[in-house]
Amino acid sequence: MQIKTLLLSACCVLGIASGTVGAADIGTVKDNLLKNTGLEAESVRATPVPGLWEVFIQERMFYVDDSARYVLSGRLIDAETQEDLTQARLREIARARWTKWPFEDAVKQVFGKGEREIIVFSDANCTYCRMMEKAYAEVGNLTVWTFIVPMLRGEENAREIVCSKDRSKAWHEWMGQGIRPAVSVAGCDTSVLRRNLELAHRYNVTAAPTFFFKTGDRSTGAMPAYQLSSILENAKN
């Protein structure tokens, strides 16, 4: 039933769009989308389907006709190759923005040579995030960029860490051994926590830990070292 519904929805949009093939360009679609929805697309591009446009808004992919009056939310599948074109495109976008992450706001930890990299959103009061400290060490040859986001029980512990002289050391000792950082200096700038929270909202991060990989994939929830190692190994292939 779900596949039938999906196909019918797609056919409806394609039927509407078929009468206006070639009548619009990227700029026109962007303008129509803004006019009809009040939303500005981060990217717009044509799909392999005539008259159907891909629009990327707020970390989600949608499809619209030339007029952007009709919007389709779902997966675009190539029936011949069985490729999920939507997922492939989302991964492509995520890979392209890797260097644009605000790494200066993250706590950097290097395990071994640190040749492989991951990004993780963590909370200083998150039990599952604590479990990952040991996993990182077991995996080794890893650089972990941690964006500290206060999601649970206030900001006190997070503030103590970002106000420490050595944030990486403070984070590792608190998360791995339960050692609280020394009392922070009065007037410390904790605005990084606000920026990290805004970043989490932007990328729809609602739970910790949430991981982002260079492949464009993401994962939520703690995982054992062997699973993380497997993901990183597959990323090289």
Protein backbone atom coordinates (compact mmCIF):
# COMPACT_ATOMS: atom_id res chain seq x y z
CA MET A 1 0.00 0.00 0.00
CA GLN A 2 2.81 2.41 0.85
CA ILE A 3 4.56 1.84 -2.49
CA LYS A 4 1.28 2.31 -4.35
CA THR A 5 0.59 5.55 -2.48
CA LEU A 6 4.10 6.79 -3.23
CA LEU A 7 3.73 6.02 -6.94
CA LEU A 8 0.33 7.68 -7.12
CA SER A 9 1.67 10.80 -5.41
CA ALA A 10 4.58 10.96 -7.81
CA CYS A 11 2.30 10.49 -10.79
CA CYS A 12 0.06 13.30 -9.63
CA VAL A 13 2.98 15.70 -9.43
CA LEU A 14 4.41 14.54 -12.75
CA GLY A 15 1.03 14.91 -14.38
CA ILE A 16 0.76 18.47 -13.18
CA ALA A 17 4.31 19.26 -14.19
CA SER A 18 4.12 17.68 -17.63
CA GLY A 19 2.28 20.62 -19.13
CA THR A 20 5.05 23.06 -18.23
CA VAL A 21 8.21 21.16 -19.19
CA GLY A 22 11.00 23.56 -20.04
CA ALA A 23 8.99 26.58 -18.94
CA ALA A 24 11.13 27.40 -15.90
CA ASP A 25 14.73 27.71 -14.82
CA ILE A 26 16.41 27.53 -11.41
CA GLY A 27 15.86 31.23 -10.69
CA THR A 28 12.19 31.02 -11.56
CA VAL A 29 11.65 27.98 -9.36
CA LYS A 30 13.41 29.69 -6.44
CA ASP A 31 11.25 32.79 -6.87
CA ASN A 32 8.06 30.75 -7.13
CA LEU A 33 8.99 28.74 -4.05
CA LEU A 34 9.65 31.87 -2.01
CA LYS A 35 6.39 33.43 -3.18
CA ASN A 36 4.26 30.37 -2.45
CA THR A 37 5.85 29.13 0.78
CA GLY A 38 7.89 32.00 2.18
CA LEU A 39 10.89 29.64 2.29
CA GLU A 40 14.20 30.21 0.55
CA ALA A 41 15.82 27.07 -0.85
CA GLU A 42 19.48 26.44 -0.14
CA SER A 43 19.73 24.73 -3.50
CA VAL A 44 17.52 24.02 -6.49
CA ARG A 45 18.30 21.79 -9.42
CA ALA A 46 16.54 19.81 -12.11
CA THR A 47 15.89 16.10 -11.56
CA PRO A 48 16.05 13.40 -14.24
CA VAL A 49 12.25 13.69 -14.39
CA PRO A 50 11.06 16.42 -16.82
CA GLY A 51 9.27 19.23 -15.02
CA LEU A 52 10.25 18.04 -11.52
CA TRP A 53 12.71 20.10 -9.49
CA GLU A 54 14.75 19.17 -6.43
CA VAL A 55 14.74 21.76 -3.64
CA PHE A 56 16.80 21.52 -0.46
CA ILE A 57 15.40 23.42 2.52
CA GLN A 58 16.33 23.18 6.20
CA GLU A 59 18.10 19.83 5.83
CA ARG A 60 15.21 18.26 3.96
CA MET A 61 14.70 17.40 0.31
CA PHE A 62 11.48 18.21 -1.53
CA TYR A 63 10.33 18.10 -5.12
CA VAL A 64 8.23 20.74 -6.86
CA ASP A 65 6.78 21.53 -10.27
CA ASP A 66 7.83 24.62 -12.26
CA SER A 67 5.37 26.85 -10.43
CA ALA A 68 6.31 25.46 -6.98
CA ARG A 69 2.61 25.26 -6.27
CA TYR A 70 2.75 21.50 -5.79
CA VAL A 71 5.25 20.01 -3.35
CA LEU A 72 6.17 16.36 -3.00
CA SER A 73 7.92 15.05 0.11
CA GLY A 74 9.41 11.61 -0.26
CA ARG A 75 12.05 9.50 -1.96
CA LEU A 76 12.87 9.70 -5.65
CA ILE A 77 13.83 6.21 -6.77
CA ASP A 78 15.34 5.15 -10.09
CA ALA A 79 13.27 2.03 -10.80
CA GLU A 80 15.80 0.77 -13.35
CA THR A 81 18.88 0.94 -11.13
CA GLN A 82 17.03 0.77 -7.78
CA GLU A 83 19.08 3.78 -6.62
CA ASP A 84 17.60 6.07 -4.00
CA LEU A 85 18.38 9.40 -5.72
CA THR A 86 17.17 11.39 -2.72
CA GLN A 87 19.51 9.69 -0.28
CA ALA A 88 22.41 9.92 -2.70
CA ARG A 89 21.85 13.66 -3.12
CA LEU A 90 21.57 14.26 0.64
CA ARG A 91 24.88 12.48 1.17
CA GLU A 92 26.47 14.50 -1.62
CA ILE A 93 25.38 17.76 0.02
CA ALA A 94 26.63 16.61 3.43
CA ARG A 95 30.03 15.59 2.02
CA ALA A 96 30.45 18.94 0.27
CA ARG A 97 29.91 20.94 3.45
CA TRP A 98 32.37 19.00 5.63
CA THR A 99 35.04 21.74 5.46
CA LYS A 100 32.43 24.39 6.25
CA TRP A 101 31.65 23.12 9.75
CA PRO A 102 32.63 25.69 12.45
CA PHE A 103 35.39 23.49 13.87
CA GLU A 104 36.63 26.38 16.00
CA ASP A 105 33.57 25.85 18.23
CA ALA A 106 34.22 22.14 18.71
CA VAL A 107 36.33 20.34 21.29
CA LYS A 108 39.07 18.50 19.41
CA GLN A 109 40.30 15.13 20.65
CA VAL A 110 42.96 13.11 18.86
CA PHE A 111 43.29 9.38 19.43
CA GLY A 112 46.44 7.85 17.95
CA LYS A 113 47.42 9.42 14.63
CA GLY A 114 43.98 10.98 14.22
CA GLU A 115 43.87 10.35 10.47
CA ARG A 116 40.14 9.60 10.44
CA GLU A 117 37.57 12.20 11.51
CA ILE A 118 34.06 12.31 12.90
CA ILE A 119 31.82 15.07 14.20
CA VAL A 120 29.60 14.44 17.21
CA PHE A 121 27.02 16.51 19.06
CA SER A 122 27.24 15.61 22.75
CA ASP A 123 25.90 16.74 26.11
CA ALA A 124 28.05 16.93 29.22
CA ASN A 125 25.28 15.17 31.18
CA CYS A 126 24.62 12.43 28.63
CA THR A 127 25.33 8.91 29.89
CA TYR A 128 25.48 7.46 26.37
CA CYS A 129 27.93 10.18 25.32
CA ARG A 130 30.19 9.15 28.22
CA MET A 131 30.26 5.60 26.88
CA MET A 132 31.81 6.83 23.63
CA GLU A 133 35.02 8.11 25.26
CA LYS A 134 36.25 4.56 25.77
CA ALA A 135 35.07 3.55 22.29
CA TYR A 136 37.06 6.36 20.66
CA ALA A 137 40.23 5.19 22.39
CA GLU A 138 39.60 1.59 21.34
CA VAL A 139 39.02 2.55 17.71
CA GLY A 140 42.14 4.72 17.60
CA ASN A 141 43.62 6.71 14.69
CA LEU A 142 40.71 9.09 15.10
CA THR A 143 40.06 12.81 15.45
CA VAL A 144 36.79 13.59 17.20
CA TRP A 145 35.23 17.04 16.85
CA THR A 146 32.69 17.42 19.66
CA PHE A 147 30.08 20.16 19.62
CA ILE A 148 28.92 20.47 23.22
CA VAL A 149 25.19 21.11 23.32
CA PRO A 150 23.34 21.56 26.64
CA MET A 151 20.26 19.37 26.22
CA LEU A 152 19.94 17.85 29.70
CA ARG A 153 19.87 19.33 33.20
CA GLY A 154 21.12 22.81 32.41
CA GLU A 155 24.45 24.29 31.31
CA GLU A 156 26.59 24.23 34.45
CA ASN A 157 28.87 21.33 33.51
CA ALA A 158 29.07 22.45 29.90
CA ARG A 159 30.06 25.98 30.99
CA GLU A 160 32.82 24.60 33.21
CA ILE A 161 34.28 22.69 30.28
CA VAL A 162 34.17 25.47 27.67
CA CYS A 163 35.68 27.87 30.22
CA SER A 164 38.63 25.56 30.95
CA LYS A 165 42.10 26.40 29.70
CA ASP A 166 42.27 23.00 28.00
CA ARG A 167 38.79 22.13 26.78
CA SER A 168 39.84 18.80 25.34
CA LYS A 169 41.42 17.65 28.60
CA ALA A 170 38.49 18.93 30.64
CA TRP A 171 35.96 17.17 28.40
CA HIS A 172 37.85 13.87 28.40
CA GLU A 173 38.36 13.82 32.17
CA TRP A 174 34.76 14.76 32.91
CA MET A 175 33.19 12.37 30.42
CA GLY A 176 35.65 9.53 30.91
CA GLN A 177 36.44 9.75 34.62
CA GLY A 178 33.87 12.07 36.17
CA ILE A 179 36.54 14.63 37.14
CA ARG A 180 35.05 18.10 37.19
CA PRO A 181 37.12 20.96 35.76
CA ALA A 182 38.60 23.60 38.02
CA VAL A 183 36.35 26.57 38.81
CA SER A 184 36.07 28.70 35.69
CA VAL A 185 37.17 32.30 35.57
CA ALA A 186 34.38 34.80 36.20
CA GLY A 187 33.10 36.46 33.06
CA CYS A 188 34.08 33.57 30.79
CA ASP A 189 32.54 33.76 27.31
CA THR A 190 30.14 30.83 26.99
CA SER A 191 28.51 32.01 23.76
CA VAL A 192 29.87 28.89 22.05
CA LEU A 193 27.11 26.91 23.76
CA ARG A 194 24.48 29.10 22.17
CA ARG A 195 26.12 28.79 18.77
CA ASN A 196 26.33 25.01 19.13
CA LEU A 197 22.68 24.84 20.10
CA GLU A 198 21.73 26.88 17.04
CA LEU A 199 23.88 24.57 14.92
CA ALA A 200 22.11 21.54 16.36
CA HIS A 201 18.73 23.07 15.52
CA ARG A 202 19.91 23.84 11.99
CA TYR A 203 20.84 20.21 11.38
CA ASN A 204 17.85 18.76 13.21
CA VAL A 205 19.94 17.23 15.99
CA THR A 206 17.48 16.30 18.73
CA ALA A 207 19.40 13.65 20.66
CA ALA A 208 22.93 12.93 21.82
CA PRO A 209 25.23 11.58 20.71
CA THR A 210 24.59 12.33 17.04
CA PHE A 211 27.43 11.57 14.64
CA PHE A 212 28.29 13.01 11.24
CA PHE A 213 30.72 11.22 8.95
CA LYS A 214 32.77 12.44 6.00
CA THR A 215 30.77 10.10 3.76
CA GLY A 216 27.71 12.28 4.32
CA ASP A 217 26.07 9.74 6.60
CA ARG A 218 24.83 10.44 10.11
CA SER A 219 23.91 8.26 13.07
CA THR A 220 22.25 8.86 16.43
CA GLY A 221 22.93 6.90 19.59
CA ALA A 222 25.96 5.36 21.26
CA MET A 223 27.65 2.46 19.51
CA PRO A 224 30.33 -0.06 20.47
CA ALA A 225 33.89 0.40 19.23
CA TYR A 226 33.63 -2.42 16.68
CA GLN A 227 30.60 -0.79 15.03
CA LEU A 228 32.24 2.63 14.83
CA SER A 229 35.40 1.03 13.48
CA SER A 230 33.39 -0.78 10.81
CA ILE A 231 31.70 2.44 9.69
CA LEU A 232 35.04 4.21 9.40
CA GLU A 233 36.56 1.33 7.46
CA ASN A 234 33.65 1.20 5.03
CA ALA A 235 34.01 4.96 4.51
CA LYS A 236 37.41 4.35 2.94
CA ASN A 237 36.00 2.02 0.31
